[in-house]
Amino acid sequence: MHGLINKSIQAFLRANYGQRLWLQVAERVGFDSEGFEAMLRYDDQLTEDLLQASVEALDKPRGVLLEDIGAYLASLEPIRRLLRFGGEDYWEFLQSLDELQGRGQMTLPDLELPELALRTLRGGQFILDVDGTIPGWGAVMTGLLRAMADDYGALAMIEEAEAAEGREAVQVVLLEAAFNEGRRFDLAPCRE
């Protein structure tokens, strides 16, 4: 697994639960408490162990933890900017999700993001098929899509859905694209 994935889990735990919890998780996994190097590759099992230790330390279901990580990632300004380039409103953003893996790999060619495929149904309903190397990407995308709906000011119901074997899916019901004023976004970052 790309170190950036593990580093993101580490950053999420430290930012939301503190250094003490991160140290407990690192000890459970048997990993150096300094953490992960973003540009190195790690065994996929280490990522699984990291997630399991986090679930145990927080006494939180894996899916809930992964949704929280997805929402956290969308709150980080560099990732938010990458996501916001997907469209002017939430509907356009959803339509651009098929390209997200490619945009991420333009930045980091060996980053293993899940393959995403959006199916448009009737009445503002969408199914996002998620095909990743480790289970849980659907939950991560659920949290990320919820955070981005808020960012765009859209009113949407978002939840994990039934999927074909070996895949995960997220259902999005877009109730109102401009429900609230979204967060400000400029193509060029503001310099103050």
Protein backbone atom coordinates (compact mmCIF):
# COMPACT_ATOMS: atom_id res chain seq x y z
CA MET A 1 0.00 0.00 0.00
CA HIS A 2 1.21 3.48 -0.79
CA GLY A 3 2.55 5.23 2.30
CA LEU A 4 0.27 8.19 1.70
CA ILE A 5 -2.74 6.01 2.56
CA ASN A 6 -1.22 4.90 5.87
CA LYS A 7 0.03 8.42 6.58
CA SER A 8 -3.53 9.69 6.05
CA ILE A 9 -4.90 7.23 8.60
CA GLN A 10 -2.18 8.31 11.03
CA ALA A 11 -2.94 12.00 10.45
CA PHE A 12 -6.68 11.39 10.93
CA LEU A 13 -6.12 9.62 14.24
CA ARG A 14 -3.74 12.28 15.53
CA ALA A 15 -5.92 15.21 14.43
CA ASN A 16 -9.17 13.80 15.81
CA TYR A 17 -8.10 11.67 18.78
CA GLY A 18 -4.67 12.95 19.76
CA GLN A 19 -1.11 11.73 19.90
CA ARG A 20 -1.81 9.38 22.81
CA LEU A 21 -4.29 7.32 20.78
CA TRP A 22 -1.93 7.24 17.80
CA LEU A 23 0.83 5.88 20.05
CA GLN A 24 -1.52 3.12 21.30
CA VAL A 25 -2.42 2.15 17.73
CA ALA A 26 1.21 2.19 16.57
CA GLU A 27 2.17 -0.03 19.52
CA ARG A 28 -0.64 -2.50 18.75
CA VAL A 29 0.53 -2.76 15.15
CA GLY A 30 4.16 -3.01 16.22
CA PHE A 31 5.12 0.00 14.15
CA ASP A 32 7.43 2.91 14.90
CA SER A 33 5.45 5.66 16.65
CA GLU A 34 7.02 8.24 14.32
CA GLY A 35 4.66 6.85 11.72
CA PHE A 36 4.66 6.34 8.01
CA GLU A 37 6.71 7.87 5.26
CA ALA A 38 4.27 9.20 2.66
CA MET A 39 6.30 8.21 -0.40
CA LEU A 40 7.25 4.66 0.62
CA ARG A 41 5.29 1.48 -0.08
CA TYR A 42 4.09 -0.79 2.73
CA ASP A 43 2.63 -4.27 2.79
CA ASP A 44 -1.17 -4.26 2.41
CA GLN A 45 -1.48 -6.34 5.59
CA LEU A 46 0.08 -3.49 7.57
CA THR A 47 -2.76 -1.22 6.41
CA GLU A 48 -5.31 -3.85 7.45
CA ASP A 49 -3.59 -4.19 10.84
CA LEU A 50 -3.55 -0.40 11.23
CA LEU A 51 -7.29 -0.18 10.55
CA GLN A 52 -8.07 -3.09 12.88
CA ALA A 53 -5.99 -1.59 15.70
CA SER A 54 -7.78 1.74 15.19
CA VAL A 55 -11.19 0.06 15.31
CA GLU A 56 -10.24 -1.68 18.56
CA ALA A 57 -8.70 1.41 20.17
CA LEU A 58 -11.73 3.56 19.33
CA ASP A 59 -14.33 0.83 19.88
CA LYS A 60 -15.91 1.98 16.66
CA PRO A 61 -17.20 -0.11 13.72
CA ARG A 62 -14.80 -0.27 10.77
CA GLY A 63 -17.31 1.28 8.35
CA VAL A 64 -17.91 4.26 10.64
CA LEU A 65 -14.16 4.79 11.07
CA LEU A 66 -13.63 4.68 7.31
CA GLU A 67 -16.49 7.14 6.68
CA ASP A 68 -14.91 9.50 9.19
CA ILE A 69 -11.56 9.16 7.42
CA GLY A 70 -13.24 9.99 4.08
CA ALA A 71 -14.83 13.13 5.55
CA TYR A 72 -11.50 14.12 7.10
CA LEU A 73 -9.69 13.73 3.78
CA ALA A 74 -12.22 15.99 2.05
CA SER A 75 -11.54 18.65 4.69
CA LEU A 76 -7.83 18.84 3.87
CA GLU A 77 -7.36 21.79 1.56
CA PRO A 78 -5.09 20.14 -1.05
CA ILE A 79 -7.51 17.22 -1.41
CA ARG A 80 -10.55 19.51 -1.30
CA ARG A 81 -9.03 21.54 -4.14
CA LEU A 82 -8.41 18.41 -6.20
CA LEU A 83 -12.03 17.38 -5.64
CA ARG A 84 -13.50 20.83 -6.34
CA PHE A 85 -11.82 20.89 -9.75
CA GLY A 86 -14.41 18.23 -10.59
CA GLY A 87 -17.21 20.71 -11.14
CA GLU A 88 -18.91 23.97 -10.40
CA ASP A 89 -21.72 22.30 -8.46
CA TYR A 90 -22.32 18.97 -6.73
CA TRP A 91 -24.03 17.42 -9.77
CA GLU A 92 -20.99 18.20 -11.95
CA PHE A 93 -18.72 16.94 -9.18
CA LEU A 94 -20.57 13.62 -9.13
CA GLN A 95 -20.26 13.35 -12.91
CA SER A 96 -16.48 13.81 -12.64
CA LEU A 97 -15.90 10.99 -10.13
CA ASP A 98 -15.04 8.54 -12.92
CA GLU A 99 -11.93 10.69 -13.50
CA LEU A 100 -10.83 10.92 -9.86
CA GLN A 101 -8.51 7.92 -9.97
CA GLY A 102 -6.72 9.37 -13.02
CA ARG A 103 -6.41 12.83 -11.46
CA GLY A 104 -4.88 11.33 -8.33
CA GLN A 105 -2.46 9.24 -10.37
CA MET A 106 -1.33 12.31 -12.33
CA THR A 107 -0.01 13.60 -9.02
CA LEU A 108 1.25 10.25 -7.68
CA PRO A 109 1.45 7.60 -10.42
CA ASP A 110 1.74 4.64 -8.03
CA LEU A 111 -1.11 5.72 -5.74
CA GLU A 112 -3.68 2.91 -5.62
CA LEU A 113 -6.99 4.74 -5.57
CA PRO A 114 -10.15 2.75 -6.20
CA GLU A 115 -11.72 2.63 -9.63
CA LEU A 116 -14.96 4.63 -9.59
CA ALA A 117 -17.91 4.36 -11.96
CA LEU A 118 -21.00 6.53 -11.56
CA ARG A 119 -24.36 5.26 -12.75
CA THR A 120 -27.05 7.90 -13.14
CA LEU A 121 -30.53 6.68 -12.29
CA ARG A 122 -33.77 8.65 -12.41
CA GLY A 123 -34.84 11.55 -10.20
CA GLY A 124 -31.44 12.72 -8.99
CA GLN A 125 -30.35 9.24 -7.90
CA PHE A 126 -26.88 7.90 -8.51
CA ILE A 127 -24.94 4.75 -7.70
CA LEU A 128 -21.18 5.03 -7.39
CA ASP A 129 -19.50 1.66 -7.94
CA VAL A 130 -16.22 1.45 -6.03
CA ASP A 131 -13.60 -1.16 -6.86
CA GLY A 132 -10.56 -0.95 -4.60
CA THR A 133 -7.68 -3.17 -3.57
CA ILE A 134 -8.78 -3.38 0.06
CA PRO A 135 -12.30 -3.55 1.47
CA GLY A 136 -13.67 -0.29 2.84
CA TRP A 137 -13.22 2.16 -0.01
CA GLY A 138 -17.02 2.38 -0.29
CA ALA A 139 -17.21 3.68 3.29
CA VAL A 140 -14.35 6.13 2.65
CA MET A 141 -16.19 7.42 -0.42
CA THR A 142 -19.44 7.71 1.57
CA GLY A 143 -17.75 10.04 4.05
CA LEU A 144 -16.00 11.97 1.31
CA LEU A 145 -19.24 12.42 -0.69
CA ARG A 146 -21.10 13.65 2.41
CA ALA A 147 -18.38 16.18 3.17
CA MET A 148 -18.33 17.39 -0.42
CA ALA A 149 -22.13 17.76 -0.48
CA ASP A 150 -21.74 20.12 2.49
CA ASP A 151 -18.84 21.87 0.78
CA TYR A 152 -20.97 22.53 -2.32
CA GLY A 153 -24.07 23.42 -0.27
CA ALA A 154 -26.06 20.51 -1.71
CA LEU A 155 -28.77 18.57 0.10
CA ALA A 156 -28.18 14.87 -0.51
CA MET A 157 -28.81 11.52 1.14
CA ILE A 158 -25.71 9.36 0.88
CA GLU A 159 -25.29 5.79 2.11
CA GLU A 160 -23.54 2.59 1.23
CA ALA A 161 -25.57 0.40 -1.12
CA GLU A 162 -25.73 -3.20 -2.30
CA ALA A 163 -23.07 -3.98 -4.89
CA ALA A 164 -21.91 -6.73 -7.18
CA GLU A 165 -19.59 -9.30 -5.65
CA GLY A 166 -16.09 -7.95 -5.07
CA ARG A 167 -17.20 -4.34 -5.37
CA GLU A 168 -18.69 -1.75 -3.09
CA ALA A 169 -21.28 0.89 -3.91
CA VAL A 170 -22.55 4.21 -2.60
CA GLN A 171 -26.04 5.52 -3.29
CA VAL A 172 -26.50 9.27 -3.65
CA VAL A 173 -29.91 10.91 -3.80
CA LEU A 174 -29.42 14.55 -4.75
CA LEU A 175 -32.44 16.35 -3.33
CA GLU A 176 -31.34 19.91 -4.03
CA ALA A 177 -28.08 20.96 -5.68
CA ALA A 178 -28.14 24.51 -4.24
CA PHE A 179 -29.77 23.97 -0.85
CA ASN A 180 -27.33 26.16 1.04
CA GLU A 181 -24.46 28.46 0.22
CA GLY A 182 -21.39 26.30 -0.28
CA ARG A 183 -17.89 27.04 0.92
CA ARG A 184 -15.97 29.55 -1.12
CA PHE A 185 -13.72 28.09 -3.79
CA ASP A 186 -11.40 29.91 -6.18
CA LEU A 187 -9.29 28.26 -8.86
CA ALA A 188 -6.22 30.05 -7.55
CA PRO A 189 -5.62 29.90 -3.81
CA CYS A 190 -6.03 33.23 -2.05
CA ARG A 191 -2.82 34.81 -0.81
CA GLU A 192 -3.23 37.01 2.19
